[in-house]
Protein backbone atom coordinates (compact mmCIF):
# COMPACT_ATOMS: atom_id res chain seq x y z
CA MET A 1 53.25 90.94 97.97
CA LYS A 2 55.06 88.57 100.07
CA ASP A 3 56.59 88.57 103.47
CA MET A 4 60.74 88.96 104.53
CA VAL A 5 62.53 87.34 106.76
CA LEU A 6 66.02 88.48 106.90
CA PRO A 7 67.92 85.71 109.18
CA CYS A 8 70.22 87.22 112.46
CA LYS A 9 71.76 83.85 114.25
CA ALA A 10 73.81 84.79 116.89
CA VAL A 11 75.25 82.81 119.96
CA GLY A 12 77.19 83.32 123.28
CA ASP A 13 77.54 82.87 126.52
CA PRO A 14 76.54 85.17 127.81
CA PRO A 15 73.46 85.29 125.21
CA PRO A 16 74.00 88.02 122.59
CA THR A 17 71.18 91.19 122.55
CA ILE A 18 69.99 91.59 118.58
CA LYS A 19 69.44 95.05 117.14
CA TRP A 20 68.30 95.95 113.93
CA LEU A 21 69.00 99.22 111.99
CA LYS A 22 68.53 100.58 108.92
CA GLY A 23 70.84 102.55 106.46
CA ASN A 24 69.06 106.08 105.60
CA THR A 25 69.99 107.80 103.14
CA ASN A 26 72.34 110.50 104.73
CA GLY A 27 74.43 107.22 105.79
CA THR A 28 73.59 106.90 109.52
CA PRO A 29 71.74 103.61 110.22
CA THR A 30 68.96 103.65 112.48
CA PRO A 31 66.63 101.68 114.43
CA VAL A 32 64.23 99.47 112.42
CA LEU A 33 61.03 100.33 112.85
CA VAL A 34 58.85 97.98 114.65
CA ASP A 35 54.78 98.24 113.94
CA SER A 36 52.68 95.82 112.68
CA ARG A 37 54.00 95.52 109.06
CA ARG A 38 57.40 94.90 111.18
CA SER A 39 58.83 92.80 113.55
CA VAL A 40 61.94 91.28 115.29
CA HIS A 41 61.25 87.33 116.24
CA GLY A 42 62.89 85.57 119.21
CA ASN A 43 65.29 84.51 116.84
CA GLY A 44 67.21 87.48 116.19
CA SER A 45 64.94 87.09 112.32
CA PHE A 46 63.18 90.72 111.36
CA ILE A 47 60.07 90.03 109.36
CA ILE A 48 58.59 92.36 107.34
CA ARG A 49 55.11 91.80 106.24
CA THR A 50 53.79 92.72 102.65
CA VAL A 51 57.02 93.58 101.02
CA LYS A 52 57.13 97.34 99.48
CA ALA A 53 59.59 98.99 97.65
CA GLU A 54 59.62 102.05 100.56
CA ASP A 55 61.42 99.01 102.13
CA SER A 56 64.22 98.54 99.91
CA GLY A 57 68.24 99.35 101.59
CA ASN A 58 70.64 98.31 103.91
CA TYR A 59 69.73 96.07 107.08
CA SER A 60 71.89 95.54 109.07
CA CYS A 61 71.71 93.12 111.95
CA VAL A 62 74.50 93.90 115.07
CA ALA A 63 74.60 90.88 118.11
CA SER A 64 76.38 91.89 121.30
CA ASN A 65 77.37 90.99 124.76
CA ASN A 66 79.34 91.97 126.79
CA TRP A 67 82.35 90.41 125.34
CA GLY A 68 81.96 92.42 121.89
CA ALA A 69 79.94 93.23 118.97
CA ASP A 70 79.34 91.77 115.55
CA GLU A 71 77.60 92.64 113.00
CA ILE A 72 75.61 91.32 109.02
CA THR A 73 74.69 93.52 106.81
CA LEU A 74 71.91 92.82 104.34
CA ASN A 75 71.14 94.16 101.12
CA LEU A 76 66.84 94.23 100.03
CA GLN A 77 65.73 95.46 96.99
CA VAL A 78 61.95 95.40 96.49
CA GLN A 79 61.07 96.63 93.09
């Protein structure tokens, strides 16, 4: 299997903080699990190594600072 990079580019003053969430079966997004296969890169991208079918789902990148927040949701489908 391949590695997957989900991009999240955010700019602002002050620089925003990036948080990744994954939707679950009850509809409430939860913070992504960071472990030996999953990590958040310094540029905000979420990286999944050796992607598997169980990694499928909706991933949301939330960028926020003192002035507000913005969010984008990406749908990952692994077969």
